[in-house]
Amino acid sequence: MLNGMNIGIDIINVERFEKKHYEENKMFYKKIFNESEIKYCLKYKNPYPYFAAKFALKEAVKKSIKENIDMLDIQSSHKTSKPIIKIKNKLNYDFFVSLSHEKEFAVAVVISFENNR
């Protein structure tokens, strides 16, 4: 970690989510994603690349910070198509995020900065 800055990256095969249809596995999804994240993904005809990307994002966040947090403590949203991350537990971090998904894979890169306010 350099002056409170760190990076996390994660890649996931979209098929892992395609095999777990939302309607048949709601409890699985609710252990990982908050309601607004689920709603965001389900608005797409094929929600599974979006679920995979959000999962990769949460894993990348976990890798980029020193605290061990739960997936549900990481909240992602979008502002003008750019992902935004907030952490519930009042941890002071700011993030730069990049997500991508293409056919089989979703990938996320997160740069975190400790915010010493």
N, C-alpha and C. Protein backbone atom coordinates (compact mmCIF):
# COMPACT_ATOMS: atom_id res chain seq x y z
N MET A 1 0.85 -1.17 0.00
CA MET A 1 0.00 0.00 0.00
C MET A 1 0.89 1.24 0.00
N LEU A 2 0.62 2.20 -0.85
CA LEU A 2 1.40 3.41 -0.99
C LEU A 2 0.58 4.59 -0.50
N ASN A 3 0.97 5.18 0.62
CA ASN A 3 0.26 6.34 1.18
C ASN A 3 -1.25 6.15 1.23
N GLY A 4 -1.70 5.01 1.73
CA GLY A 4 -3.12 4.76 1.86
C GLY A 4 -3.82 4.39 0.57
N MET A 5 -3.06 4.09 -0.47
CA MET A 5 -3.65 3.72 -1.77
C MET A 5 -3.37 2.25 -2.03
N ASN A 6 -4.38 1.56 -2.60
CA ASN A 6 -4.19 0.17 -2.94
C ASN A 6 -5.07 -0.18 -4.12
N ILE A 7 -4.83 -1.33 -4.72
CA ILE A 7 -5.59 -1.75 -5.90
C ILE A 7 -6.11 -3.16 -5.69
N GLY A 8 -7.29 -3.42 -6.24
CA GLY A 8 -7.86 -4.76 -6.23
C GLY A 8 -8.40 -5.06 -7.62
N ILE A 9 -8.31 -6.31 -8.03
CA ILE A 9 -8.84 -6.72 -9.33
C ILE A 9 -9.51 -8.07 -9.16
N ASP A 10 -10.57 -8.30 -9.93
CA ASP A 10 -11.23 -9.59 -9.89
C ASP A 10 -11.84 -9.87 -11.25
N ILE A 11 -11.84 -11.13 -11.63
CA ILE A 11 -12.46 -11.57 -12.88
C ILE A 11 -13.32 -12.78 -12.55
N ILE A 12 -14.48 -12.88 -13.19
CA ILE A 12 -15.38 -13.99 -12.92
C ILE A 12 -16.02 -14.44 -14.23
N ASN A 13 -16.25 -15.73 -14.32
CA ASN A 13 -16.94 -16.29 -15.47
C ASN A 13 -18.44 -16.04 -15.28
N VAL A 14 -19.07 -15.38 -16.23
CA VAL A 14 -20.49 -15.02 -16.16
C VAL A 14 -21.35 -16.28 -16.00
N GLU A 15 -20.90 -17.38 -16.52
CA GLU A 15 -21.66 -18.63 -16.47
C GLU A 15 -21.99 -19.04 -15.03
N ARG A 16 -21.16 -18.68 -14.08
CA ARG A 16 -21.44 -19.02 -12.67
C ARG A 16 -22.77 -18.42 -12.23
N PHE A 17 -23.10 -17.24 -12.73
CA PHE A 17 -24.38 -16.63 -12.40
C PHE A 17 -25.49 -17.13 -13.32
N GLU A 18 -25.17 -17.40 -14.56
CA GLU A 18 -26.18 -17.92 -15.49
C GLU A 18 -26.74 -19.27 -15.01
N LYS A 19 -25.92 -20.05 -14.32
CA LYS A 19 -26.36 -21.34 -13.79
C LYS A 19 -27.25 -21.19 -12.56
N LYS A 20 -27.25 -20.01 -11.94
CA LYS A 20 -28.06 -19.75 -10.75
C LYS A 20 -29.12 -18.71 -11.09
N HIS A 21 -30.17 -19.16 -11.75
CA HIS A 21 -31.23 -18.24 -12.16
C HIS A 21 -31.79 -17.52 -10.94
N TYR A 22 -31.97 -16.23 -11.10
CA TYR A 22 -32.41 -15.40 -9.99
C TYR A 22 -33.70 -15.91 -9.35
N GLU A 23 -34.70 -16.20 -10.15
CA GLU A 23 -36.01 -16.59 -9.62
C GLU A 23 -35.93 -17.85 -8.76
N GLU A 24 -35.00 -18.72 -9.04
CA GLU A 24 -34.85 -19.98 -8.30
C GLU A 24 -33.82 -19.88 -7.17
N ASN A 25 -33.08 -18.79 -7.11
CA ASN A 25 -31.97 -18.66 -6.13
C ASN A 25 -31.94 -17.28 -5.47
N LYS A 26 -33.09 -16.75 -5.15
CA LYS A 26 -33.17 -15.38 -4.59
C LYS A 26 -32.34 -15.24 -3.31
N MET A 27 -32.34 -16.24 -2.46
CA MET A 27 -31.58 -16.14 -1.20
C MET A 27 -30.08 -16.04 -1.47
N PHE A 28 -29.61 -16.76 -2.46
CA PHE A 28 -28.19 -16.66 -2.85
C PHE A 28 -27.85 -15.22 -3.21
N TYR A 29 -28.68 -14.61 -4.05
CA TYR A 29 -28.42 -13.24 -4.51
C TYR A 29 -28.54 -12.24 -3.37
N LYS A 30 -29.47 -12.47 -2.45
CA LYS A 30 -29.67 -11.53 -1.34
C LYS A 30 -28.55 -11.59 -0.31
N LYS A 31 -27.73 -12.63 -0.35
CA LYS A 31 -26.56 -12.72 0.52
C LYS A 31 -25.38 -11.91 -0.02
N ILE A 32 -25.47 -11.54 -1.30
CA ILE A 32 -24.36 -10.84 -1.96
C ILE A 32 -24.72 -9.40 -2.32
N PHE A 33 -25.95 -9.21 -2.82
CA PHE A 33 -26.35 -7.92 -3.39
C PHE A 33 -27.49 -7.29 -2.59
N ASN A 34 -27.45 -5.97 -2.46
CA ASN A 34 -28.58 -5.28 -1.81
C ASN A 34 -29.70 -5.10 -2.83
N GLU A 35 -30.85 -4.67 -2.36
CA GLU A 35 -32.05 -4.59 -3.21
C GLU A 35 -31.84 -3.70 -4.43
N SER A 36 -31.18 -2.56 -4.26
CA SER A 36 -31.00 -1.66 -5.40
C SER A 36 -30.06 -2.27 -6.45
N GLU A 37 -29.07 -3.04 -6.01
CA GLU A 37 -28.18 -3.71 -6.96
C GLU A 37 -28.94 -4.80 -7.74
N ILE A 38 -29.77 -5.55 -7.04
CA ILE A 38 -30.57 -6.59 -7.70
C ILE A 38 -31.51 -5.95 -8.72
N LYS A 39 -32.17 -4.88 -8.30
CA LYS A 39 -33.10 -4.19 -9.20
C LYS A 39 -32.36 -3.68 -10.44
N TYR A 40 -31.18 -3.12 -10.26
CA TYR A 40 -30.38 -2.62 -11.38
C TYR A 40 -30.09 -3.76 -12.37
N CYS A 41 -29.62 -4.89 -11.88
CA CYS A 41 -29.25 -6.00 -12.77
C CYS A 41 -30.48 -6.58 -13.47
N LEU A 42 -31.59 -6.69 -12.76
CA LEU A 42 -32.79 -7.31 -13.33
C LEU A 42 -33.47 -6.45 -14.38
N LYS A 43 -33.08 -5.20 -14.50
CA LYS A 43 -33.71 -4.36 -15.52
C LYS A 43 -33.20 -4.71 -16.93
N TYR A 44 -32.14 -5.50 -17.01
CA TYR A 44 -31.59 -5.92 -18.30
C TYR A 44 -32.19 -7.26 -18.73
N LYS A 45 -32.32 -7.43 -20.03
CA LYS A 45 -32.87 -8.67 -20.59
C LYS A 45 -32.06 -9.88 -20.09
N ASN A 46 -30.74 -9.74 -20.11
CA ASN A 46 -29.86 -10.77 -19.56
C ASN A 46 -29.12 -10.15 -18.37
N PRO A 47 -29.60 -10.39 -17.14
CA PRO A 47 -29.01 -9.74 -15.97
C PRO A 47 -27.69 -10.34 -15.51
N TYR A 48 -27.34 -11.52 -15.99
CA TYR A 48 -26.23 -12.25 -15.39
C TYR A 48 -24.85 -11.63 -15.63
N PRO A 49 -24.56 -11.03 -16.78
CA PRO A 49 -23.28 -10.31 -16.89
C PRO A 49 -23.19 -9.14 -15.89
N TYR A 50 -24.31 -8.53 -15.58
CA TYR A 50 -24.33 -7.41 -14.64
C TYR A 50 -24.15 -7.90 -13.20
N PHE A 51 -24.80 -9.02 -12.88
CA PHE A 51 -24.56 -9.61 -11.56
C PHE A 51 -23.09 -10.01 -11.42
N ALA A 52 -22.53 -10.61 -12.45
CA ALA A 52 -21.12 -11.03 -12.40
C ALA A 52 -20.20 -9.83 -12.24
N ALA A 53 -20.47 -8.75 -12.96
CA ALA A 53 -19.64 -7.54 -12.85
C ALA A 53 -19.72 -6.95 -11.45
N LYS A 54 -20.93 -6.89 -10.89
CA LYS A 54 -21.07 -6.36 -9.53
C LYS A 54 -20.39 -7.26 -8.50
N PHE A 55 -20.44 -8.57 -8.72
CA PHE A 55 -19.72 -9.48 -7.84
C PHE A 55 -18.22 -9.24 -7.92
N ALA A 56 -17.70 -9.13 -9.14
CA ALA A 56 -16.27 -8.86 -9.33
C ALA A 56 -15.89 -7.54 -8.68
N LEU A 57 -16.76 -6.55 -8.78
CA LEU A 57 -16.51 -5.25 -8.16
C LEU A 57 -16.37 -5.40 -6.65
N LYS A 58 -17.28 -6.14 -6.03
CA LYS A 58 -17.22 -6.31 -4.58
C LYS A 58 -15.97 -7.07 -4.16
N GLU A 59 -15.59 -8.08 -4.93
CA GLU A 59 -14.36 -8.81 -4.63
C GLU A 59 -13.13 -7.90 -4.78
N ALA A 60 -13.13 -7.08 -5.80
CA ALA A 60 -12.00 -6.15 -6.01
C ALA A 60 -11.93 -5.13 -4.88
N VAL A 61 -13.07 -4.65 -4.40
CA VAL A 61 -13.09 -3.73 -3.26
C VAL A 61 -12.47 -4.41 -2.05
N LYS A 62 -12.90 -5.64 -1.77
CA LYS A 62 -12.37 -6.36 -0.61
C LYS A 62 -10.86 -6.53 -0.69
N LYS A 63 -10.35 -6.73 -1.90
CA LYS A 63 -8.90 -6.90 -2.09
C LYS A 63 -8.15 -5.58 -1.95
N SER A 64 -8.86 -4.46 -2.15
CA SER A 64 -8.18 -3.17 -2.15
C SER A 64 -8.16 -2.46 -0.79
N ILE A 65 -8.86 -3.01 0.19
CA ILE A 65 -8.86 -2.38 1.52
C ILE A 65 -8.30 -3.35 2.55
N LYS A 66 -7.85 -2.83 3.66
CA LYS A 66 -7.21 -3.70 4.64
C LYS A 66 -8.20 -4.36 5.59
N GLU A 67 -9.41 -3.81 5.73
CA GLU A 67 -10.40 -4.39 6.62
C GLU A 67 -11.13 -5.55 5.93
N ASN A 68 -11.55 -6.52 6.74
CA ASN A 68 -12.34 -7.63 6.22
C ASN A 68 -13.81 -7.27 6.39
N ILE A 69 -14.52 -7.09 5.27
CA ILE A 69 -15.92 -6.69 5.34
C ILE A 69 -16.80 -7.66 4.57
N ASP A 70 -18.09 -7.60 4.86
CA ASP A 70 -19.08 -8.46 4.22
C ASP A 70 -19.46 -7.89 2.86
N MET A 71 -19.85 -8.78 1.97
CA MET A 71 -20.26 -8.33 0.63
C MET A 71 -21.40 -7.31 0.70
N LEU A 72 -22.33 -7.49 1.62
CA LEU A 72 -23.47 -6.57 1.72
C LEU A 72 -23.08 -5.20 2.28
N ASP A 73 -21.89 -5.11 2.88
CA ASP A 73 -21.41 -3.81 3.35
C ASP A 73 -20.91 -2.93 2.21
N ILE A 74 -20.70 -3.55 1.06
CA ILE A 74 -20.25 -2.82 -0.13
C ILE A 74 -21.48 -2.55 -0.98
N GLN A 75 -21.77 -1.28 -1.20
CA GLN A 75 -22.94 -0.89 -1.99
C GLN A 75 -22.47 -0.20 -3.26
N SER A 76 -22.94 -0.72 -4.38
CA SER A 76 -22.58 -0.10 -5.65
C SER A 76 -23.82 0.51 -6.29
N SER A 77 -23.58 1.60 -6.98
CA SER A 77 -24.66 2.24 -7.74
C SER A 77 -24.00 2.84 -8.98
N HIS A 78 -24.81 3.48 -9.80
CA HIS A 78 -24.29 4.08 -11.03
C HIS A 78 -24.78 5.51 -11.17
N LYS A 79 -23.86 6.36 -11.56
CA LYS A 79 -24.20 7.74 -11.85
C LYS A 79 -23.68 8.02 -13.26
N THR A 80 -24.57 8.35 -14.13
CA THR A 80 -24.23 8.54 -15.56
C THR A 80 -23.34 7.41 -16.07
N SER A 81 -23.78 6.20 -15.82
CA SER A 81 -23.16 4.94 -16.24
C SER A 81 -21.80 4.65 -15.58
N LYS A 82 -21.36 5.46 -14.66
CA LYS A 82 -20.11 5.21 -13.95
C LYS A 82 -20.43 4.55 -12.60
N PRO A 83 -19.73 3.46 -12.26
CA PRO A 83 -19.99 2.82 -10.96
C PRO A 83 -19.48 3.66 -9.80
N ILE A 84 -20.26 3.64 -8.74
CA ILE A 84 -19.92 4.34 -7.50
C ILE A 84 -19.97 3.32 -6.37
N ILE A 85 -19.02 3.41 -5.43
CA ILE A 85 -18.96 2.48 -4.31
C ILE A 85 -19.10 3.27 -3.01
N LYS A 86 -19.92 2.72 -2.12
CA LYS A 86 -20.03 3.21 -0.75
C LYS A 86 -19.90 2.01 0.17
N ILE A 87 -19.25 2.22 1.30
CA ILE A 87 -19.11 1.16 2.29
C ILE A 87 -19.93 1.54 3.51
N LYS A 88 -20.73 0.61 3.99
CA LYS A 88 -21.65 0.85 5.10
C LYS A 88 -20.96 1.13 6.44
N ASN A 89 -19.89 0.44 6.72
CA ASN A 89 -19.31 0.45 8.06
C ASN A 89 -18.51 1.69 8.43
N LYS A 90 -18.80 2.80 7.81
CA LYS A 90 -18.14 4.07 8.12
C LYS A 90 -16.62 4.00 7.95
N LEU A 91 -16.17 3.13 7.08
CA LEU A 91 -14.75 3.10 6.75
C LEU A 91 -14.49 4.26 5.80
N ASN A 92 -13.40 4.93 5.97
CA ASN A 92 -13.11 6.13 5.18
C ASN A 92 -12.25 5.81 3.97
N TYR A 93 -12.92 5.47 2.89
CA TYR A 93 -12.23 5.20 1.64
C TYR A 93 -12.94 5.93 0.50
N ASP A 94 -12.16 6.32 -0.48
CA ASP A 94 -12.68 6.79 -1.75
C ASP A 94 -12.18 5.79 -2.79
N PHE A 95 -12.91 5.67 -3.91
CA PHE A 95 -12.60 4.64 -4.89
C PHE A 95 -12.63 5.18 -6.31
N PHE A 96 -11.73 4.64 -7.13
CA PHE A 96 -11.83 4.73 -8.58
C PHE A 96 -12.16 3.31 -9.03
N VAL A 97 -13.13 3.18 -9.94
CA VAL A 97 -13.64 1.87 -10.32
C VAL A 97 -13.75 1.76 -11.83
N SER A 98 -13.43 0.58 -12.34
CA SER A 98 -13.69 0.28 -13.74
C SER A 98 -14.26 -1.14 -13.83
N LEU A 99 -15.36 -1.28 -14.56
CA LEU A 99 -16.02 -2.57 -14.77
C LEU A 99 -16.10 -2.86 -16.25
N SER A 100 -16.07 -4.15 -16.58
CA SER A 100 -16.29 -4.53 -17.96
C SER A 100 -16.81 -5.96 -17.99
N HIS A 101 -17.65 -6.26 -18.95
CA HIS A 101 -18.06 -7.64 -19.19
C HIS A 101 -18.18 -7.86 -20.68
N GLU A 102 -17.71 -9.03 -21.09
CA GLU A 102 -17.70 -9.37 -22.51
C GLU A 102 -17.92 -10.87 -22.62
N LYS A 103 -19.07 -11.25 -23.12
CA LYS A 103 -19.46 -12.65 -23.34
C LYS A 103 -19.26 -13.50 -22.10
N GLU A 104 -18.11 -14.14 -21.95
CA GLU A 104 -17.90 -15.11 -20.88
C GLU A 104 -17.44 -14.53 -19.55
N PHE A 105 -16.84 -13.35 -19.57
CA PHE A 105 -16.19 -12.85 -18.36
C PHE A 105 -16.63 -11.45 -17.98
N ALA A 106 -16.56 -11.20 -16.68
CA ALA A 106 -16.74 -9.86 -16.13
C ALA A 106 -15.49 -9.57 -15.30
N VAL A 107 -15.05 -8.32 -15.36
CA VAL A 107 -13.83 -7.93 -14.65
C VAL A 107 -14.05 -6.59 -13.97
N ALA A 108 -13.40 -6.42 -12.82
CA ALA A 108 -13.47 -5.15 -12.10
C ALA A 108 -12.08 -4.80 -11.59
N VAL A 109 -11.76 -3.52 -11.68
CA VAL A 109 -10.53 -2.98 -11.10
C VAL A 109 -10.94 -1.84 -10.18
N VAL A 110 -10.40 -1.87 -8.96
CA VAL A 110 -10.72 -0.85 -7.96
C VAL A 110 -9.43 -0.30 -7.39
N ILE A 111 -9.32 1.01 -7.37
CA ILE A 111 -8.23 1.68 -6.66
C ILE A 111 -8.87 2.36 -5.46
N SER A 112 -8.38 2.03 -4.28
CA SER A 112 -8.94 2.62 -3.06
C SER A 112 -7.93 3.58 -2.46
N PHE A 113 -8.48 4.62 -1.84
CA PHE A 113 -7.69 5.63 -1.16
C PHE A 113 -8.23 5.80 0.25
N GLU A 114 -7.36 5.65 1.24
CA GLU A 114 -7.79 5.93 2.60
C GLU A 114 -8.05 7.42 2.72
N ASN A 115 -9.21 7.76 3.20
CA ASN A 115 -9.63 9.13 3.35
C ASN A 115 -9.50 9.52 4.81
N ASN A 116 -8.51 10.31 5.13
CA ASN A 116 -8.23 10.69 6.52
C ASN A 116 -8.92 11.99 6.90
N ARG A 117 -10.23 11.97 6.87
CA ARG A 117 -11.00 13.17 7.23
C ARG A 117 -11.05 13.37 8.70
